N, C-alpha and C. Protein backbone atom coordinates (compact mmCIF):
# COMPACT_ATOMS: atom_id res chain seq x y z
N UNK A 1 84.84 162.33 128.90
CA UNK A 1 85.78 162.79 127.91
C UNK A 1 85.01 163.40 126.73
N UNK A 2 85.35 164.61 126.39
CA UNK A 2 84.71 165.26 125.26
C UNK A 2 85.59 165.14 124.03
N UNK A 3 84.92 164.96 122.90
CA UNK A 3 85.65 164.83 121.65
C UNK A 3 85.73 166.22 121.01
N UNK A 4 86.91 166.64 120.68
CA UNK A 4 87.09 167.92 120.02
C UNK A 4 86.99 167.72 118.52
N UNK A 5 86.04 168.43 117.93
CA UNK A 5 85.83 168.33 116.48
C UNK A 5 86.78 169.27 115.76
N UNK A 6 87.22 168.83 114.60
CA UNK A 6 88.07 169.71 113.80
C UNK A 6 87.21 170.88 113.31
N UNK A 7 87.88 171.92 112.94
CA UNK A 7 87.17 173.11 112.47
C UNK A 7 86.35 172.79 111.21
N UNK A 8 86.90 171.96 110.32
CA UNK A 8 86.20 171.57 109.10
C UNK A 8 84.93 170.79 109.44
N UNK A 9 85.02 169.89 110.42
CA UNK A 9 83.86 169.11 110.82
C UNK A 9 82.80 170.01 111.45
N UNK A 10 83.21 170.98 112.23
CA UNK A 10 82.26 171.94 112.81
C UNK A 10 81.52 172.70 111.71
N UNK A 11 82.26 173.11 110.68
CA UNK A 11 81.64 173.84 109.55
C UNK A 11 80.65 172.95 108.81
N UNK A 12 81.02 171.67 108.61
CA UNK A 12 80.11 170.74 107.92
C UNK A 12 78.82 170.56 108.70
N UNK A 13 78.95 170.45 110.01
CA UNK A 13 77.76 170.27 110.84
C UNK A 13 76.88 171.52 110.82
N UNK A 14 77.50 172.68 110.86
CA UNK A 14 76.73 173.93 110.79
C UNK A 14 76.00 174.02 109.44
N UNK A 15 76.68 173.63 108.36
CA UNK A 15 76.04 173.65 107.02
C UNK A 15 74.83 172.72 106.99
N UNK A 16 74.90 171.56 107.65
CA UNK A 16 73.78 170.63 107.71
C UNK A 16 72.60 171.26 108.46
N UNK A 17 72.90 171.93 109.58
CA UNK A 17 71.84 172.60 110.34
C UNK A 17 71.22 173.71 109.49
N UNK A 18 72.06 174.44 108.76
CA UNK A 18 71.58 175.52 107.90
C UNK A 18 70.67 174.97 106.80
N UNK A 19 71.04 173.82 106.25
CA UNK A 19 70.21 173.18 105.23
C UNK A 19 68.85 172.79 105.80
N UNK A 20 68.85 172.27 107.02
CA UNK A 20 67.59 171.93 107.69
C UNK A 20 66.74 173.17 107.88
N UNK A 21 67.35 174.25 108.32
CA UNK A 21 66.62 175.50 108.55
C UNK A 21 66.01 176.01 107.25
N UNK A 22 66.77 175.96 106.15
CA UNK A 22 66.25 176.40 104.85
C UNK A 22 65.01 175.61 104.45
N UNK A 23 65.07 174.29 104.62
CA UNK A 23 63.93 173.45 104.25
C UNK A 23 62.73 173.74 105.14
N UNK A 24 62.97 173.98 106.42
CA UNK A 24 61.86 174.27 107.32
C UNK A 24 61.24 175.63 107.00
N UNK A 25 62.04 176.60 106.64
CA UNK A 25 61.52 177.94 106.31
C UNK A 25 60.61 177.88 105.08
N UNK A 26 60.85 176.93 104.19
CA UNK A 26 60.04 176.80 102.97
C UNK A 26 58.66 176.20 103.24
N UNK A 27 58.45 175.61 104.42
CA UNK A 27 57.15 175.03 104.74
C UNK A 27 56.11 176.13 104.95
N UNK A 28 54.84 175.84 104.71
CA UNK A 28 53.79 176.85 104.93
C UNK A 28 53.69 177.25 106.41
N UNK A 29 53.19 178.45 106.65
CA UNK A 29 53.12 178.98 108.02
C UNK A 29 52.31 178.10 108.97
N UNK A 30 51.12 177.57 108.57
CA UNK A 30 50.39 176.71 109.52
C UNK A 30 51.19 175.48 109.95
N UNK A 31 52.03 174.97 109.07
CA UNK A 31 52.87 173.82 109.40
C UNK A 31 53.99 174.26 110.34
N UNK A 32 54.53 175.44 110.11
CA UNK A 32 55.60 175.95 110.98
C UNK A 32 55.11 176.21 112.39
N UNK A 33 53.85 176.59 112.53
CA UNK A 33 53.31 176.87 113.86
C UNK A 33 53.28 175.63 114.74
N UNK A 34 53.39 174.46 114.12
CA UNK A 34 53.37 173.20 114.87
C UNK A 34 54.77 172.62 115.08
N UNK A 35 55.79 173.38 114.75
CA UNK A 35 57.17 172.90 114.92
C UNK A 35 57.43 172.53 116.38
N UNK A 36 58.07 171.40 116.61
CA UNK A 36 58.37 170.99 117.99
C UNK A 36 59.61 171.71 118.53
N UNK A 37 59.47 173.02 118.78
CA UNK A 37 60.62 173.83 119.21
C UNK A 37 60.12 174.99 120.07
N UNK A 38 61.03 175.70 120.66
CA UNK A 38 60.73 176.85 121.51
C UNK A 38 59.94 177.91 120.71
N UNK A 39 59.02 178.60 121.39
CA UNK A 39 58.17 179.60 120.72
C UNK A 39 58.98 180.73 120.08
N UNK A 40 60.05 181.17 120.73
CA UNK A 40 60.86 182.26 120.18
C UNK A 40 61.50 181.85 118.84
N UNK A 41 62.02 180.65 118.80
CA UNK A 41 62.66 180.17 117.57
C UNK A 41 61.60 179.93 116.49
N UNK A 42 60.43 179.42 116.90
CA UNK A 42 59.33 179.21 115.94
C UNK A 42 58.94 180.55 115.30
N UNK A 43 58.90 181.60 116.11
CA UNK A 43 58.57 182.94 115.60
C UNK A 43 59.62 183.40 114.58
N UNK A 44 60.89 183.07 114.84
CA UNK A 44 61.96 183.44 113.91
C UNK A 44 61.78 182.73 112.55
N UNK A 45 61.35 181.48 112.60
CA UNK A 45 61.08 180.75 111.36
C UNK A 45 59.98 181.44 110.55
N UNK A 46 58.93 181.83 111.22
CA UNK A 46 57.80 182.47 110.54
C UNK A 46 58.22 183.81 109.96
N UNK A 47 59.02 184.56 110.71
CA UNK A 47 59.52 185.86 110.23
C UNK A 47 60.42 185.67 108.99
N UNK A 48 61.19 184.60 108.97
CA UNK A 48 62.13 184.37 107.86
C UNK A 48 61.39 184.12 106.55
N UNK A 49 60.16 183.66 106.62
CA UNK A 49 59.42 183.38 105.39
C UNK A 49 59.17 184.64 104.57
N UNK A 50 58.94 185.76 105.22
CA UNK A 50 58.63 186.99 104.50
C UNK A 50 59.85 187.73 103.99
N UNK A 51 61.03 187.28 104.36
CA UNK A 51 62.25 188.00 103.97
C UNK A 51 62.83 187.44 102.68
N UNK A 52 63.37 188.34 101.88
CA UNK A 52 63.98 187.93 100.61
C UNK A 52 65.43 188.39 100.56
N UNK A 53 66.19 187.77 99.67
CA UNK A 53 67.57 188.19 99.44
C UNK A 53 68.46 188.03 100.65
N UNK A 54 69.29 189.07 100.87
CA UNK A 54 70.27 189.04 101.95
C UNK A 54 69.64 188.97 103.33
N UNK A 55 68.50 189.63 103.50
CA UNK A 55 67.84 189.61 104.81
C UNK A 55 67.39 188.19 105.15
N UNK A 56 66.88 187.47 104.17
CA UNK A 56 66.46 186.08 104.39
C UNK A 56 67.64 185.20 104.74
N UNK A 57 68.76 185.40 104.04
CA UNK A 57 69.96 184.60 104.32
C UNK A 57 70.49 184.87 105.72
N UNK A 58 70.48 186.15 106.13
CA UNK A 58 70.94 186.50 107.47
C UNK A 58 70.05 185.88 108.53
N UNK A 59 68.73 185.91 108.28
CA UNK A 59 67.79 185.33 109.24
C UNK A 59 68.01 183.81 109.37
N UNK A 60 68.26 183.15 108.25
CA UNK A 60 68.52 181.70 108.27
C UNK A 60 69.80 181.41 109.05
N UNK A 61 70.83 182.22 108.82
CA UNK A 61 72.09 182.03 109.56
C UNK A 61 71.89 182.28 111.07
N UNK A 62 71.06 183.28 111.39
CA UNK A 62 70.79 183.57 112.81
C UNK A 62 70.05 182.40 113.46
N UNK A 63 69.05 181.86 112.78
CA UNK A 63 68.31 180.71 113.32
C UNK A 63 69.26 179.53 113.48
N UNK A 64 70.13 179.33 112.49
CA UNK A 64 71.12 178.24 112.55
C UNK A 64 71.99 178.40 113.80
N UNK A 65 72.43 179.63 114.07
CA UNK A 65 73.27 179.88 115.24
C UNK A 65 72.50 179.56 116.52
N UNK A 66 71.19 179.89 116.54
CA UNK A 66 70.38 179.62 117.72
C UNK A 66 70.20 178.11 117.93
N UNK A 67 70.17 177.35 116.84
CA UNK A 67 69.90 175.91 116.92
C UNK A 67 71.15 175.05 117.05
N UNK A 68 72.34 175.62 116.87
CA UNK A 68 73.54 174.78 116.78
C UNK A 68 73.81 173.96 118.03
N UNK A 69 73.34 174.39 119.19
CA UNK A 69 73.54 173.63 120.42
C UNK A 69 72.29 172.88 120.86
N UNK A 70 71.23 172.93 120.05
CA UNK A 70 69.96 172.25 120.37
C UNK A 70 69.96 170.84 119.78
N UNK A 71 69.10 170.00 120.32
CA UNK A 71 68.89 168.68 119.73
C UNK A 71 67.95 168.84 118.53
N UNK A 72 68.39 168.37 117.39
CA UNK A 72 67.63 168.58 116.15
C UNK A 72 66.84 167.35 115.71
N UNK A 73 66.85 166.30 116.51
CA UNK A 73 66.18 165.06 116.13
C UNK A 73 64.70 165.30 115.88
N UNK A 74 64.05 166.06 116.75
CA UNK A 74 62.62 166.35 116.59
C UNK A 74 62.33 167.11 115.31
N UNK A 75 63.21 168.07 114.96
CA UNK A 75 63.01 168.85 113.74
C UNK A 75 63.21 167.98 112.50
N UNK A 76 64.22 167.12 112.52
CA UNK A 76 64.43 166.21 111.38
C UNK A 76 63.25 165.27 111.21
N UNK A 77 62.74 164.72 112.32
CA UNK A 77 61.58 163.83 112.24
C UNK A 77 60.36 164.57 111.71
N UNK A 78 60.16 165.79 112.18
CA UNK A 78 59.02 166.60 111.74
C UNK A 78 59.10 166.87 110.24
N UNK A 79 60.28 167.25 109.77
CA UNK A 79 60.47 167.54 108.35
C UNK A 79 60.25 166.29 107.51
N UNK A 80 60.77 165.16 107.95
CA UNK A 80 60.59 163.91 107.22
C UNK A 80 59.11 163.56 107.13
N UNK A 81 58.39 163.77 108.23
CA UNK A 81 56.97 163.48 108.25
C UNK A 81 56.22 164.36 107.25
N UNK A 82 56.53 165.63 107.23
CA UNK A 82 55.83 166.57 106.34
C UNK A 82 56.20 166.35 104.88
N UNK A 83 57.46 166.20 104.59
CA UNK A 83 57.89 165.99 103.21
C UNK A 83 57.52 164.59 102.73
N UNK A 84 57.55 163.62 103.63
CA UNK A 84 57.22 162.25 103.27
C UNK A 84 55.78 162.12 102.79
N UNK A 85 54.88 162.90 103.36
CA UNK A 85 53.48 162.89 102.94
C UNK A 85 53.32 163.34 101.50
N UNK A 86 54.06 164.36 101.13
CA UNK A 86 54.01 164.84 99.75
C UNK A 86 54.56 163.81 98.78
N UNK A 87 55.64 163.16 99.17
CA UNK A 87 56.21 162.13 98.31
C UNK A 87 55.24 160.96 98.13
N UNK A 88 54.56 160.61 99.22
CA UNK A 88 53.58 159.53 99.16
C UNK A 88 52.43 159.92 98.22
N UNK A 89 51.96 161.17 98.32
CA UNK A 89 50.89 161.64 97.44
C UNK A 89 51.33 161.61 95.98
N UNK A 90 52.55 162.03 95.72
CA UNK A 90 53.06 162.05 94.36
C UNK A 90 53.13 160.64 93.79
N UNK A 91 53.59 159.69 94.60
CA UNK A 91 53.67 158.30 94.17
C UNK A 91 52.29 157.75 93.84
N UNK A 92 51.31 158.04 94.69
CA UNK A 92 49.94 157.57 94.44
C UNK A 92 49.37 158.20 93.17
N UNK A 93 49.64 159.47 92.96
CA UNK A 93 49.17 160.16 91.77
C UNK A 93 49.73 159.49 90.51
N UNK A 94 51.02 159.19 90.52
CA UNK A 94 51.65 158.55 89.36
C UNK A 94 51.11 157.14 89.14
N UNK A 95 50.81 156.43 90.21
CA UNK A 95 50.24 155.09 90.07
C UNK A 95 48.86 155.17 89.42
N UNK A 96 48.06 156.15 89.81
CA UNK A 96 46.73 156.32 89.19
C UNK A 96 46.86 156.70 87.72
N UNK A 97 47.81 157.56 87.41
CA UNK A 97 48.05 157.92 86.00
C UNK A 97 48.44 156.69 85.20
N UNK A 98 49.28 155.84 85.78
CA UNK A 98 49.71 154.62 85.10
C UNK A 98 48.51 153.72 84.82
N UNK A 99 47.63 153.53 85.82
CA UNK A 99 46.44 152.71 85.63
C UNK A 99 45.57 153.28 84.51
N UNK A 100 45.35 154.60 84.52
CA UNK A 100 44.52 155.24 83.50
C UNK A 100 45.12 155.03 82.11
N UNK A 101 46.41 155.29 81.98
CA UNK A 101 47.06 155.16 80.68
C UNK A 101 47.05 153.71 80.19
N UNK A 102 47.28 152.78 81.10
CA UNK A 102 47.26 151.36 80.72
C UNK A 102 45.87 150.95 80.24
N UNK A 103 44.86 151.40 80.95
CA UNK A 103 43.48 151.07 80.58
C UNK A 103 43.12 151.65 79.22
N UNK A 104 43.48 152.88 78.99
CA UNK A 104 43.18 153.53 77.71
C UNK A 104 43.92 152.83 76.57
N UNK A 105 45.20 152.54 76.77
CA UNK A 105 45.97 151.87 75.72
C UNK A 105 45.42 150.48 75.42
N UNK A 106 44.99 149.77 76.47
CA UNK A 106 44.40 148.45 76.25
C UNK A 106 43.09 148.55 75.48
N UNK A 107 42.27 149.56 75.81
CA UNK A 107 40.99 149.75 75.11
C UNK A 107 41.23 150.08 73.63
N UNK A 108 42.20 150.92 73.36
CA UNK A 108 42.51 151.28 71.96
C UNK A 108 43.00 150.06 71.19
N UNK A 109 43.88 149.28 71.80
CA UNK A 109 44.40 148.07 71.14
C UNK A 109 43.27 147.07 70.90
N UNK A 110 42.42 146.89 71.89
CA UNK A 110 41.29 145.96 71.74
C UNK A 110 40.34 146.42 70.65
N UNK A 111 40.09 147.71 70.55
CA UNK A 111 39.20 148.25 69.51
C UNK A 111 39.80 148.00 68.14
N UNK A 112 41.11 148.16 67.99
CA UNK A 112 41.77 147.90 66.69
C UNK A 112 41.63 146.43 66.31
N UNK A 113 41.80 145.54 67.30
CA UNK A 113 41.64 144.11 67.02
C UNK A 113 40.24 143.80 66.52
N UNK A 114 39.26 144.38 67.21
CA UNK A 114 37.87 144.13 66.83
C UNK A 114 37.53 144.78 65.48
N UNK A 115 38.12 145.91 65.20
CA UNK A 115 37.86 146.61 63.93
C UNK A 115 38.36 145.77 62.76
N UNK A 116 39.42 145.01 62.95
CA UNK A 116 39.93 144.14 61.89
C UNK A 116 38.90 143.07 61.53
N UNK A 117 38.09 142.66 62.50
CA UNK A 117 37.01 141.69 62.27
C UNK A 117 35.68 142.38 62.02
N UNK A 118 35.71 143.69 61.84
CA UNK A 118 34.53 144.53 61.61
C UNK A 118 33.53 144.45 62.76
N UNK A 119 34.06 144.42 63.97
CA UNK A 119 33.24 144.45 65.18
C UNK A 119 33.53 145.74 65.94
N UNK A 120 32.61 146.09 66.85
CA UNK A 120 32.76 147.31 67.63
C UNK A 120 33.05 146.96 69.10
N UNK A 121 33.85 147.78 69.76
CA UNK A 121 34.16 147.59 71.18
C UNK A 121 32.92 147.98 71.99
N UNK A 122 32.40 147.05 72.77
CA UNK A 122 31.21 147.33 73.58
C UNK A 122 31.60 147.81 74.97
N UNK A 123 30.62 148.25 75.73
CA UNK A 123 30.89 148.80 77.04
C UNK A 123 31.12 147.73 78.11
N UNK A 124 30.98 146.46 77.76
CA UNK A 124 31.24 145.40 78.74
C UNK A 124 32.38 144.48 78.28
N UNK A 125 33.41 145.07 77.72
CA UNK A 125 34.56 144.33 77.21
C UNK A 125 35.43 143.84 78.36
N UNK A 126 36.13 142.75 78.13
CA UNK A 126 37.02 142.16 79.14
C UNK A 126 38.37 142.87 79.13
N UNK A 127 38.86 143.19 80.33
CA UNK A 127 40.12 143.93 80.44
C UNK A 127 40.98 143.37 81.57
N UNK A 128 42.23 143.09 81.25
CA UNK A 128 43.17 142.66 82.28
C UNK A 128 43.54 143.81 83.21
N UNK A 129 43.63 145.01 82.65
CA UNK A 129 43.99 146.19 83.43
C UNK A 129 42.92 146.49 84.48
N UNK A 130 41.66 146.34 84.09
CA UNK A 130 40.59 146.58 85.06
C UNK A 130 40.68 145.58 86.21
N UNK A 131 41.05 144.35 85.91
CA UNK A 131 41.23 143.37 86.97
C UNK A 131 42.34 143.79 87.93
N UNK A 132 43.45 144.32 87.38
CA UNK A 132 44.54 144.83 88.21
C UNK A 132 44.07 146.00 89.08
N UNK A 133 43.33 146.91 88.45
CA UNK A 133 42.83 148.07 89.17
C UNK A 133 41.90 147.64 90.30
N UNK A 134 41.05 146.68 90.00
CA UNK A 134 40.09 146.21 91.00
C UNK A 134 40.81 145.52 92.18
N UNK A 135 41.92 144.86 91.91
CA UNK A 135 42.72 144.27 92.99
C UNK A 135 43.27 145.35 93.91
N UNK A 136 43.76 146.43 93.30
CA UNK A 136 44.38 147.50 94.06
C UNK A 136 43.36 148.44 94.69
N UNK A 137 42.29 148.71 93.96
CA UNK A 137 41.25 149.63 94.43
C UNK A 137 39.90 148.92 94.37
N UNK A 138 39.56 148.11 95.37
CA UNK A 138 38.35 147.30 95.31
C UNK A 138 37.05 148.10 95.26
N UNK A 139 37.09 149.38 95.64
CA UNK A 139 35.87 150.19 95.67
C UNK A 139 35.60 150.91 94.36
N UNK A 140 36.41 150.69 93.34
CA UNK A 140 36.26 151.40 92.07
C UNK A 140 35.03 150.89 91.32
N UNK A 141 34.38 151.78 90.59
CA UNK A 141 33.21 151.44 89.78
C UNK A 141 33.69 150.83 88.46
N UNK A 142 33.70 149.51 88.39
CA UNK A 142 34.26 148.79 87.25
C UNK A 142 33.45 149.04 85.98
N UNK A 143 32.13 149.05 86.09
CA UNK A 143 31.30 149.26 84.88
C UNK A 143 31.55 150.65 84.28
N UNK A 144 31.73 151.65 85.14
CA UNK A 144 32.01 153.00 84.64
C UNK A 144 33.37 153.05 83.96
N UNK A 145 34.36 152.34 84.52
CA UNK A 145 35.69 152.30 83.89
C UNK A 145 35.61 151.66 82.51
N UNK A 146 34.87 150.55 82.41
CA UNK A 146 34.71 149.87 81.11
C UNK A 146 34.05 150.81 80.09
N UNK A 147 32.98 151.45 80.54
CA UNK A 147 32.23 152.34 79.64
C UNK A 147 33.09 153.52 79.19
N UNK A 148 33.76 154.17 80.13
CA UNK A 148 34.57 155.35 79.79
C UNK A 148 35.77 155.00 78.91
N UNK A 149 36.41 153.88 79.19
CA UNK A 149 37.57 153.51 78.37
C UNK A 149 37.12 153.14 76.95
N UNK A 150 35.97 152.49 76.81
CA UNK A 150 35.45 152.19 75.47
C UNK A 150 35.09 153.48 74.74
N UNK A 151 34.50 154.43 75.47
CA UNK A 151 34.14 155.71 74.84
C UNK A 151 35.40 156.47 74.41
N UNK A 152 36.44 156.42 75.23
CA UNK A 152 37.68 157.09 74.86
C UNK A 152 38.29 156.45 73.61
N UNK A 153 38.28 155.11 73.57
CA UNK A 153 38.85 154.41 72.41
C UNK A 153 38.10 154.78 71.13
N UNK A 154 36.79 155.01 71.24
CA UNK A 154 35.99 155.40 70.07
C UNK A 154 36.20 156.85 69.67
N UNK A 155 36.18 157.77 70.65
CA UNK A 155 36.14 159.21 70.33
C UNK A 155 37.46 159.94 70.55
N UNK A 156 38.33 159.40 71.40
CA UNK A 156 39.61 160.02 71.78
C UNK A 156 39.41 161.40 72.43
N UNK A 157 38.29 161.58 73.10
CA UNK A 157 38.04 162.84 73.80
C UNK A 157 38.69 162.78 75.19
N UNK A 158 39.44 163.82 75.50
CA UNK A 158 40.20 163.83 76.76
C UNK A 158 39.30 163.87 77.99
N UNK A 159 38.07 164.31 77.84
CA UNK A 159 37.18 164.36 79.00
C UNK A 159 36.94 162.96 79.56
N UNK A 160 36.92 161.95 78.69
CA UNK A 160 36.74 160.57 79.15
C UNK A 160 37.98 160.12 79.94
N UNK A 161 39.14 160.52 79.48
CA UNK A 161 40.39 160.19 80.18
C UNK A 161 40.40 160.84 81.56
N UNK A 162 40.00 162.10 81.62
CA UNK A 162 39.95 162.80 82.91
C UNK A 162 38.94 162.15 83.85
N UNK A 163 37.81 161.71 83.30
CA UNK A 163 36.79 161.07 84.13
C UNK A 163 37.28 159.74 84.68
N UNK A 164 38.04 159.00 83.88
CA UNK A 164 38.64 157.75 84.37
C UNK A 164 39.56 158.06 85.55
N UNK A 165 40.39 159.09 85.41
CA UNK A 165 41.30 159.46 86.49
C UNK A 165 40.51 159.85 87.74
N UNK A 166 39.42 160.62 87.56
CA UNK A 166 38.60 161.02 88.71
C UNK A 166 38.03 159.81 89.44
N UNK A 167 37.55 158.83 88.67
CA UNK A 167 37.02 157.61 89.28
C UNK A 167 38.10 156.88 90.09
N UNK A 168 39.28 156.75 89.51
CA UNK A 168 40.38 156.07 90.19
C UNK A 168 40.78 156.83 91.46
N UNK A 169 40.87 158.14 91.34
CA UNK A 169 41.25 158.98 92.48
C UNK A 169 40.22 158.88 93.60
N UNK A 170 38.93 158.93 93.23
CA UNK A 170 37.87 158.84 94.24
C UNK A 170 37.90 157.49 94.95
N UNK A 171 38.15 156.41 94.21
CA UNK A 171 38.23 155.09 94.82
C UNK A 171 39.42 155.01 95.79
N UNK A 172 40.54 155.61 95.40
CA UNK A 172 41.71 155.64 96.27
C UNK A 172 41.45 156.43 97.54
N UNK A 173 40.80 157.59 97.41
CA UNK A 173 40.47 158.42 98.57
C UNK A 173 39.50 157.70 99.50
N UNK A 174 38.50 157.05 98.93
CA UNK A 174 37.53 156.31 99.73
C UNK A 174 38.21 155.19 100.51
N UNK A 175 39.14 154.51 99.85
CA UNK A 175 39.88 153.43 100.52
C UNK A 175 40.71 153.99 101.67
N UNK A 176 41.36 155.15 101.46
CA UNK A 176 42.16 155.76 102.52
C UNK A 176 41.29 156.21 103.69
N UNK A 177 40.11 156.75 103.39
CA UNK A 177 39.21 157.18 104.45
C UNK A 177 38.75 156.01 105.30
N UNK A 178 38.55 154.89 104.66
CA UNK A 178 38.11 153.70 105.38
C UNK A 178 39.27 153.00 106.07
N UNK A 179 40.48 153.50 105.83
CA UNK A 179 41.65 152.95 106.50
C UNK A 179 42.22 151.72 105.83
N UNK A 180 41.79 151.47 104.60
CA UNK A 180 42.33 150.32 103.87
C UNK A 180 43.65 150.70 103.24
N UNK A 181 44.55 149.76 103.18
CA UNK A 181 45.86 149.99 102.59
C UNK A 181 45.80 149.64 101.11
N UNK A 182 46.19 150.60 100.25
CA UNK A 182 46.26 150.32 98.82
C UNK A 182 47.69 150.05 98.44
N UNK A 183 47.87 149.39 97.31
CA UNK A 183 49.22 149.08 96.84
C UNK A 183 49.84 150.24 96.11
N UNK A 184 49.06 151.26 95.73
CA UNK A 184 49.57 152.41 95.00
C UNK A 184 50.33 153.33 95.90
């Protein structure tokens, strides 16, 4: 027994396929070449990238028409995999920024406390944030983080902030290369 879809439901489904096609067309060409689909349709996707305006819209509608009777599960999985990687990268980037900002703010606050007692923040100061960072990124150079955060608290030069971020990023990349799971 086949279920007859209402005309409105058919239109909604076509719009969903069209939305999928639009998102796939926006992917870079090397990624499109690996699409799990027929070569002719893959070529249409690549051609649609160079088209603008009405021609691009017509090409997207044509691809949608070609795909309306195909199984789209593979394309949805492929798109989720590709877009999911970017979201994961963005999340990790923001976590590293948070660690850097927390460390810098803690160093500045600690320096103010010490300045009230007429003491100077040294390069081997105790930090709760560094302990958190070390839990999440065990390969990070802790002494360099202490030194750079103390230097930033003293001079407020952005190059020290950037260097802290580079250290955190490098530790995260090294952990990923070694196959270790980070919490960021």
